[in-house]
């Protein structure tokens, strides 16, 4: 369902204001404006000073401290790590690989593995021998134990079983007699208990305790109703007394005194808050105008002369110092850095060549040790001629124009 939209020209109707609001608004706004203008101007001055202090002192000081901390605490450790720790660690890693890992791998592959295979083969043989011996010994023991078990079974069947059956029959008869005697004793004790204890106790409960308990319960219920009625009357009286003496006066004070006073105070408070906002905005415009006037005065009295001195005096002096002192110093520093980099590159190249020579010498040493321990490898045999391998030679090969059978020979 489409709802009709109000036209754009219509504006909300302003709220009707009473005479109290109109009477309070103007003096409150005048007083608040007089009180707020100095506060707003002081606040704006503090804001300007704080921003200037942040931009001109605190931020450059923070950057300088950050640069000093980097130069003092971070840069030396970075340089030490990059140009000392990393090259030394790489060199030690290569030396450890050449001196430890390669010999350990050769020892494992050429010594420990064959030795482990030999130990395993010996252990398997020893286990097989022990198994064969255990089978023979355990077979003899099993036959001996089988014979002993057969003898014990015959003793059980011929001697122990008949004696056990006779003893069981005897114990069964004794148990039946004892059970009959116990049953008679139980019946006698039950009859005596019933007629000496249970029947008198039931009669005492039905004809004495139950009537007395009912009388006591009826009396207690009556007393409870009486007490409840007494307390209900007292509570009703107290309720109406407190209502008449306290509640109704308090309600009248709230309705005819506090609510009107609260409404007046609410109007005054709302006007004070609105006056504070209006005065704060007006004081902001006044403070802005005063700040622009003071900024213009400061610029004409201080900034323009300083700018003139910077352009006409300090800039030519700075250019002269840059051309005569700073540029030659920078060129000298760059040449020193270039020479240092070349020296470091030559040192790294010499270290690389030394490591390559060490690896080559280690490789030659391993080859010599292998040759001493296992001998030189067998050289491949030269290929024999075709006639010695049982194959036809080039001259004896079969062709289309020759024959190898007796019938076709010329």
Protein backbone atom coordinates (compact mmCIF):
# COMPACT_ATOMS: atom_id res chain seq x y z
CA UNK A 1 0.00 0.00 0.00
CA UNK A 2 1.45 3.34 -1.10
CA UNK A 3 1.46 6.07 1.50
CA UNK A 4 1.16 9.69 0.46
CA UNK A 5 4.35 11.58 1.21
CA UNK A 6 4.07 15.11 2.63
CA UNK A 7 5.24 17.88 0.29
CA UNK A 8 8.84 18.99 0.60
CA UNK A 9 7.90 22.60 1.38
CA UNK A 10 6.11 21.71 4.59
CA UNK A 11 8.26 22.15 7.68
CA UNK A 12 7.62 20.77 11.19
CA UNK A 13 5.57 23.11 13.32
CA UNK A 14 7.72 24.59 16.12
CA UNK A 15 6.83 23.69 19.66
CA UNK A 16 4.81 26.29 21.54
CA UNK A 17 6.82 27.96 24.28
CA UNK A 18 5.40 29.33 27.50
CA UNK A 19 5.90 32.70 29.07
CA UNK A 20 8.31 31.24 31.66
CA UNK A 21 10.65 30.01 28.91
CA UNK A 22 10.62 33.38 27.13
CA UNK A 23 11.21 35.26 30.40
CA UNK A 24 14.15 33.06 31.45
CA UNK A 25 15.94 32.73 28.06
CA UNK A 26 17.37 36.24 27.51
CA UNK A 27 18.94 36.91 30.96
CA UNK A 28 20.31 33.38 31.14
CA UNK A 29 21.96 33.72 27.73
CA UNK A 30 23.50 37.09 28.61
CA UNK A 31 24.97 35.78 31.89
CA UNK A 32 26.24 32.58 30.27
CA UNK A 33 27.84 34.50 27.37
CA UNK A 34 29.71 36.76 29.78
CA UNK A 35 30.98 33.70 31.68
CA UNK A 36 31.79 31.47 28.69
CA UNK A 37 33.67 33.92 26.41
CA UNK A 38 36.86 34.03 28.60
CA UNK A 39 36.78 30.27 29.01
CA UNK A 40 36.43 29.67 25.25
CA UNK A 41 39.20 32.13 24.39
CA UNK A 42 41.48 30.54 26.98
CA UNK A 43 40.67 27.09 25.58
CA UNK A 44 41.38 28.17 21.98
CA UNK A 45 44.65 29.77 23.07
CA UNK A 46 45.70 26.55 24.81
CA UNK A 47 44.76 24.52 21.72
CA UNK A 48 46.85 26.77 19.44
CA UNK A 49 49.82 26.64 21.82
CA UNK A 50 49.55 22.86 22.11
CA UNK A 51 49.41 22.35 18.34
CA UNK A 52 52.35 24.69 17.79
CA UNK A 53 54.34 22.94 20.51
CA UNK A 54 53.51 19.54 18.95
CA UNK A 55 54.48 20.59 15.42
CA UNK A 56 57.60 22.62 16.28
CA UNK A 57 59.07 20.87 19.33
CA UNK A 58 57.64 17.48 20.21
CA UNK A 59 57.46 15.92 16.73
CA UNK A 60 61.04 16.96 15.67
CA UNK A 61 62.35 15.94 19.09
CA UNK A 62 60.65 12.55 18.74
CA UNK A 63 62.11 12.02 15.29
CA UNK A 64 65.57 13.02 16.54
CA UNK A 65 65.30 10.65 19.50
CA UNK A 66 64.13 7.85 17.16
CA UNK A 67 67.10 8.44 14.86
CA UNK A 68 69.52 8.53 17.81
CA UNK A 69 68.04 5.31 19.23
CA UNK A 70 68.38 3.64 15.83
CA UNK A 71 71.99 4.81 15.47
CA UNK A 72 72.96 3.80 19.01
CA UNK A 73 71.00 0.58 19.64
CA UNK A 74 69.92 -0.94 16.32
CA UNK A 75 72.46 -0.05 13.65
CA UNK A 76 75.55 -1.52 15.44
CA UNK A 77 73.77 -4.86 15.98
CA UNK A 78 72.53 -4.95 12.37
CA UNK A 79 76.04 -4.24 11.09
CA UNK A 80 77.56 -6.86 13.39
CA UNK A 81 75.00 -9.45 12.28
CA UNK A 82 75.33 -8.68 8.57
CA UNK A 83 79.10 -8.34 8.24
CA UNK A 84 80.43 -10.56 11.06
CA UNK A 85 78.00 -13.17 12.37
CA UNK A 86 76.51 -14.28 9.03
CA UNK A 87 79.86 -14.78 7.17
CA UNK A 88 81.41 -16.55 10.18
CA UNK A 89 78.37 -18.80 10.53
CA UNK A 90 78.42 -19.70 6.84
CA UNK A 91 82.14 -20.51 7.02
CA UNK A 92 81.67 -22.66 10.13
CA UNK A 93 78.72 -24.45 8.49
CA UNK A 94 80.77 -25.33 5.43
CA UNK A 95 83.71 -26.47 7.55
CA UNK A 96 81.37 -28.57 9.72
CA UNK A 97 79.86 -30.16 6.62
CA UNK A 98 83.29 -30.98 5.18
CA UNK A 99 84.87 -32.14 8.45
CA UNK A 100 81.93 -33.87 10.17
CA UNK A 101 79.01 -34.71 7.88
CA UNK A 102 80.97 -36.17 4.96
CA UNK A 103 83.22 -38.43 7.15
CA UNK A 104 80.21 -39.52 9.20
CA UNK A 105 78.27 -40.46 6.05
CA UNK A 106 81.27 -42.39 4.69
CA UNK A 107 81.72 -44.20 8.06
CA UNK A 108 78.02 -45.12 8.15
CA UNK A 109 77.89 -46.35 4.56
CA UNK A 110 81.23 -48.17 4.40
CA UNK A 111 81.81 -49.43 7.96
CA UNK A 112 78.74 -49.40 10.19
CA UNK A 113 76.27 -50.81 7.64
CA UNK A 114 78.37 -53.95 6.72
CA UNK A 115 79.17 -54.44 10.42
CA UNK A 116 75.46 -54.24 11.33
CA UNK A 117 74.56 -56.74 8.58
CA UNK A 118 77.19 -59.17 9.89
CA UNK A 119 75.94 -58.82 13.48
CA UNK A 120 72.34 -59.36 12.35
CA UNK A 121 73.31 -62.52 10.37
CA UNK A 122 75.20 -63.88 13.40
CA UNK A 123 72.26 -63.14 15.70
CA UNK A 124 69.83 -64.91 13.36
CA UNK A 125 72.06 -68.01 13.29
CA UNK A 126 72.37 -68.02 17.09
CA UNK A 127 68.61 -67.70 17.48
CA UNK A 128 68.01 -70.60 15.09
CA UNK A 129 70.46 -72.80 17.04
CA UNK A 130 68.85 -71.91 20.36
CA UNK A 131 65.40 -72.63 18.93
CA UNK A 132 66.52 -76.08 17.73
CA UNK A 133 68.03 -76.91 21.16
CA UNK A 134 64.91 -75.61 23.00
CA UNK A 135 62.64 -77.76 20.84
CA UNK A 136 64.62 -80.90 21.77
CA UNK A 137 64.80 -80.14 25.52
CA UNK A 138 61.19 -79.01 25.80
CA UNK A 139 59.97 -82.11 23.93
CA UNK A 140 61.60 -84.37 26.54
CA UNK A 141 60.19 -82.35 29.42
CA UNK A 142 56.72 -82.45 27.84
CA UNK A 143 56.75 -86.25 27.61
CA UNK A 144 57.88 -86.51 31.25
CA UNK A 145 55.12 -84.15 32.43
CA UNK A 146 52.56 -86.07 30.35
CA UNK A 147 53.48 -89.30 32.15
CA UNK A 148 53.23 -87.62 35.56
CA UNK A 149 49.83 -86.16 34.66
CA UNK A 150 48.52 -89.61 33.59
CA UNK A 151 49.56 -91.11 36.96
CA UNK A 152 47.94 -88.29 38.91
CA UNK A 153 44.72 -88.71 36.93
CA UNK A 154 44.50 -92.38 37.80
CA UNK A 155 45.07 -91.58 41.51
CA UNK A 156 42.24 -88.99 41.36
CA UNK A 157 39.81 -91.37 39.60
CA UNK A 158 40.50 -94.37 41.88
CA UNK A 159 40.99 -92.72 45.30
CA UNK A 160 40.09 -89.03 45.61
CA UNK A 161 36.77 -89.04 43.69
CA UNK A 162 35.04 -91.84 45.74
CA UNK A 163 36.22 -90.31 49.03
CA UNK A 164 34.89 -86.87 47.97
CA UNK A 165 31.45 -88.26 46.99
CA UNK A 166 31.07 -90.01 50.38
CA UNK A 167 32.06 -86.85 52.26
CA UNK A 168 29.56 -84.78 50.18
CA UNK A 169 26.67 -87.20 51.04
CA UNK A 170 27.55 -86.96 54.74
CA UNK A 171 27.67 -83.14 54.72
CA UNK A 172 24.37 -83.00 52.81
CA UNK A 173 22.56 -85.05 55.49
CA UNK A 174 24.01 -82.90 58.31
CA UNK A 175 22.93 -79.70 56.43
CA UNK A 176 19.34 -80.99 56.01
CA UNK A 177 19.08 -81.69 59.76
CA UNK A 178 20.45 -78.28 60.70
CA UNK A 179 18.05 -76.56 58.26
CA UNK A 180 15.02 -78.36 59.79
CA UNK A 181 16.08 -77.36 63.32
CA UNK A 182 16.64 -73.71 62.27
CA UNK A 183 13.21 -73.56 60.55
CA UNK A 184 11.46 -74.75 63.76
CA UNK A 185 13.30 -72.19 65.90
CA UNK A 186 12.39 -69.39 63.40
CA UNK A 187 8.67 -70.31 63.49
CA UNK A 188 8.63 -70.25 67.30
CA UNK A 189 10.43 -66.89 67.53
CA UNK A 190 8.10 -65.37 64.88
CA UNK A 191 4.91 -66.51 66.77
CA UNK A 192 6.20 -65.13 70.08
CA UNK A 193 7.20 -61.80 68.47
CA UNK A 194 3.79 -61.40 66.81
CA UNK A 195 1.67 -62.00 69.90
CA UNK A 196 3.98 -60.40 72.47
CA UNK A 197 5.12 -57.21 70.61
CA UNK A 198 3.27 -56.53 67.33
CA UNK A 199 -0.37 -57.08 68.48
CA UNK A 200 -0.04 -54.96 71.70
CA UNK A 201 1.76 -52.19 69.78
CA UNK A 202 -0.98 -52.04 67.10
CA UNK A 203 -3.73 -51.92 69.78
CA UNK A 204 -1.87 -49.13 71.62
CA UNK A 205 -1.53 -47.10 68.37
CA UNK A 206 -5.16 -47.53 67.24
CA UNK A 207 -6.90 -46.93 70.58
CA UNK A 208 -4.57 -44.43 72.30
CA UNK A 209 -2.02 -42.60 70.08
CA UNK A 210 -4.28 -41.99 67.06
CA UNK A 211 -7.17 -40.29 69.02
CA UNK A 212 -4.71 -38.19 71.00
CA UNK A 213 -2.90 -37.11 67.76
CA UNK A 214 -6.17 -36.15 66.06
CA UNK A 215 -7.21 -34.05 69.07
CA UNK A 216 -3.82 -32.29 69.14
CA UNK A 217 -3.96 -31.60 65.35
CA UNK A 218 -7.52 -30.13 65.60
CA UNK A 219 -6.46 -27.89 68.50
CA UNK A 220 -3.34 -26.71 66.56
CA UNK A 221 -5.45 -25.87 63.47
CA UNK A 222 -7.89 -23.85 65.58
CA UNK A 223 -5.04 -21.93 67.25
CA UNK A 224 -3.50 -21.26 63.81
CA UNK A 225 -6.76 -19.81 62.48
CA UNK A 226 -7.11 -17.62 65.58
CA UNK A 227 -3.53 -16.30 65.33
CA UNK A 228 -3.96 -15.66 61.59
CA UNK A 229 -7.15 -13.68 62.21
CA UNK A 230 -5.44 -11.60 64.92
CA UNK A 231 -2.43 -10.77 62.73
CA UNK A 232 -4.65 -10.04 59.71
CA UNK A 233 -6.60 -7.47 61.76
CA UNK A 234 -3.40 -5.89 63.08
CA UNK A 235 -1.93 -5.73 59.53
CA UNK A 236 -5.05 -4.13 58.08
CA UNK A 237 -5.06 -1.49 60.80
CA UNK A 238 -1.37 -0.72 60.30
CA UNK A 239 -1.88 -0.53 56.52
CA UNK A 240 -4.66 2.05 56.72
CA UNK A 241 -2.84 3.99 59.46
CA UNK A 242 0.36 4.25 57.37
CA UNK A 243 -1.65 5.06 54.25
CA UNK A 244 -3.51 7.92 55.93
CA UNK A 245 -0.52 9.28 57.88
CA UNK A 246 2.32 8.84 55.33
CA UNK A 247 1.28 7.81 51.83
CA UNK A 248 -1.49 10.31 51.18
CA UNK A 249 0.56 13.33 52.45
CA UNK A 250 3.60 12.19 50.46
CA UNK A 251 1.45 11.78 47.33
CA UNK A 252 -0.02 15.27 47.83
CA UNK A 253 3.47 16.79 48.29
CA UNK A 254 4.71 15.00 45.15
CA UNK A 255 1.71 15.97 43.03
CA UNK A 256 1.19 19.59 44.15
CA UNK A 257 4.76 20.67 45.10
CA UNK A 258 7.59 18.59 43.65
CA UNK A 259 6.18 18.10 40.16
CA UNK A 260 5.60 21.85 39.47
CA UNK A 261 9.00 22.75 40.96
CA UNK A 262 10.64 20.03 38.87
CA UNK A 263 9.00 21.33 35.71
CA UNK A 264 10.25 24.86 36.44
CA UNK A 265 13.76 23.54 37.14
CA UNK A 266 13.64 21.46 33.95
CA UNK A 267 12.77 24.56 31.90
CA UNK A 268 15.56 26.55 33.58
CA UNK A 269 18.06 23.72 33.11
CA UNK A 270 17.14 23.25 29.43
CA UNK A 271 17.53 26.96 28.81
CA UNK A 272 20.89 26.98 30.61
CA UNK A 273 22.14 24.08 28.46
CA UNK A 274 20.95 25.74 25.25
CA UNK A 275 22.46 29.05 26.38
CA UNK A 276 25.79 27.31 27.06
CA UNK A 277 25.81 25.86 23.55
CA UNK A 278 24.87 29.19 21.95
CA UNK A 279 27.42 31.08 24.06
CA UNK A 280 30.12 28.51 23.24
CA UNK A 281 29.50 28.94 19.50
CA UNK A 282 29.45 32.74 19.74
CA UNK A 283 32.62 32.69 21.85
CA UNK A 284 34.20 30.46 19.19
CA UNK A 285 33.52 33.07 16.49
CA UNK A 286 34.90 35.82 18.74
CA UNK A 287 37.95 33.74 19.57
CA UNK A 288 38.52 32.98 15.87
CA UNK A 289 38.40 36.68 15.01
CA UNK A 290 40.80 37.54 17.85
CA UNK A 291 43.13 34.70 16.85
CA UNK A 292 43.23 35.85 13.22
CA UNK A 293 44.02 39.39 14.35
CA UNK A 294 46.84 38.19 16.61
CA UNK A 295 48.17 35.87 13.89
CA UNK A 296 48.20 38.76 11.41
CA UNK A 297 50.01 40.95 13.94
CA UNK A 298 52.58 38.19 14.70
CA UNK A 299 53.18 37.63 10.99
CA UNK A 300 53.82 41.30 10.30
CA UNK A 301 55.97 41.80 13.40
CA UNK A 302 58.05 38.61 13.40
CA UNK A 303 57.52 36.19 10.47
CA UNK A 304 58.10 38.63 7.60
CA UNK A 305 61.40 39.98 9.03
CA UNK A 306 62.62 36.44 9.68
CA UNK A 307 61.65 35.39 6.14
CA UNK A 308 63.48 38.40 4.69
CA UNK A 309 66.61 37.55 6.72
CA UNK A 310 66.41 33.89 5.58
CA UNK A 311 66.04 34.77 1.89
CA UNK A 312 68.56 37.57 1.72
CA UNK A 313 71.24 36.44 4.21
CA UNK A 314 71.06 32.80 5.28
CA UNK A 315 70.30 31.22 1.89
CA UNK A 316 73.41 32.62 0.10
CA UNK A 317 75.59 31.70 3.10
CA UNK A 318 74.16 28.15 3.11
CA UNK A 319 74.77 27.71 -0.61
CA UNK A 320 78.36 28.85 -0.18
CA UNK A 321 78.93 26.43 2.73
CA UNK A 322 77.36 23.60 0.70
CA UNK A 323 79.56 24.22 -2.35
CA UNK A 324 82.81 24.78 -0.44
CA UNK A 325 82.55 22.34 2.50
CA UNK A 326 79.73 19.77 2.34
CA UNK A 327 80.10 18.53 -1.24
CA UNK A 328 83.89 17.86 -0.94
CA UNK A 329 83.27 16.08 2.38
CA UNK A 330 80.52 13.94 0.76
CA UNK A 331 82.81 13.05 -2.16
CA UNK A 332 85.54 12.01 0.29
CA UNK A 333 83.08 9.89 2.28
CA UNK A 334 81.82 8.20 -0.91
CA UNK A 335 85.40 7.40 -2.01
CA UNK A 336 86.15 5.92 1.44
CA UNK A 337 83.00 3.79 1.23
CA UNK A 338 83.92 2.63 -2.28
CA UNK A 339 87.41 1.60 -1.14
CA UNK A 340 85.94 -0.20 1.87
CA UNK A 341 83.47 -2.16 -0.33
CA UNK A 342 86.26 -3.15 -2.71
CA UNK A 343 88.40 -4.34 0.23
CA UNK A 344 85.52 -6.40 1.64
CA UNK A 345 84.83 -7.92 -1.80
CA UNK A 346 88.50 -8.92 -2.16
CA UNK A 347 88.47 -10.45 1.34
CA UNK A 348 85.31 -12.45 0.53
CA UNK A 349 86.85 -13.68 -2.74
CA UNK A 350 90.01 -14.80 -0.93
CA UNK A 351 87.91 -16.64 1.68
CA UNK A 352 85.89 -18.33 -1.10
CA UNK A 353 89.07 -19.45 -2.87
CA UNK A 354 90.49 -20.78 0.42
CA UNK A 355 87.32 -22.80 1.04
CA UNK A 356 87.39 -24.18 -2.51
CA UNK A 357 91.01 -25.26 -2.03
CA UNK A 358 90.10 -26.87 1.30
CA UNK A 359 87.24 -28.80 -0.34
CA UNK A 360 89.49 -29.96 -3.17
CA UNK A 361 92.17 -31.12 -0.70
CA UNK A 362 89.52 -32.94 1.38
CA UNK A 363 88.21 -34.65 -1.79
CA UNK A 364 91.74 -35.75 -2.75
CA UNK A 365 92.34 -37.02 0.79
CA UNK A 366 89.13 -39.11 0.70
CA UNK A 367 90.14 -40.54 -2.68
CA UNK A 368 93.60 -41.48 -1.37
CA UNK A 369 92.12 -43.10 1.77
CA UNK A 370 89.62 -45.07 -0.36
CA UNK A 371 92.42 -46.18 -2.67
CA UNK A 372 94.57 -47.28 0.31
CA UNK A 373 91.75 -49.23 1.99
CA UNK A 374 89.94 -50.78 -0.99
CA UNK A 375 92.51 -50.57 -3.78
CA UNK A 376 92.18 -49.10 -7.20
CA UNK A 377 88.99 -49.90 -9.13
CA UNK A 378 89.17 -52.60 -11.80
CA UNK A 379 89.76 -51.16 -15.25
CA UNK A 380 87.36 -52.26 -18.00
CA UNK A 381 88.59 -55.06 -20.28
CA UNK A 382 89.24 -54.11 -23.92
CA UNK A 383 86.79 -55.35 -26.52
CA UNK A 384 87.86 -58.56 -28.25
CA UNK A 385 87.80 -58.94 -32.05
CA UNK A 386 84.63 -60.26 -33.62
CA UNK A 387 86.25 -63.62 -34.66
CA UNK A 388 87.11 -64.59 -31.09
CA UNK A 389 83.54 -64.18 -29.81
CA UNK A 390 82.11 -66.89 -32.06
CA UNK A 391 80.60 -64.50 -34.57
CA UNK A 392 81.43 -64.40 -38.24
CA UNK A 393 83.96 -61.88 -39.34
CA UNK A 394 83.55 -59.33 -42.01
CA UNK A 395 85.09 -61.58 -44.69
CA UNK A 396 83.02 -64.65 -43.67
CA UNK A 397 79.68 -62.96 -43.62
CA UNK A 398 76.88 -64.40 -45.79
CA UNK A 399 76.01 -62.41 -48.92
CA UNK A 400 73.60 -62.81 -51.80
CA UNK A 401 76.35 -63.96 -54.13
CA UNK A 402 77.89 -66.63 -51.90
CA UNK A 403 76.65 -69.92 -50.46
CA UNK A 404 77.46 -71.93 -47.34
CA UNK A 405 75.84 -75.29 -48.18
CA UNK A 406 77.54 -78.24 -49.89
CA UNK A 407 74.93 -78.45 -52.67
CA UNK A 408 75.32 -74.89 -53.86
CA UNK A 409 79.10 -74.64 -53.62
CA UNK A 410 80.98 -74.38 -56.89
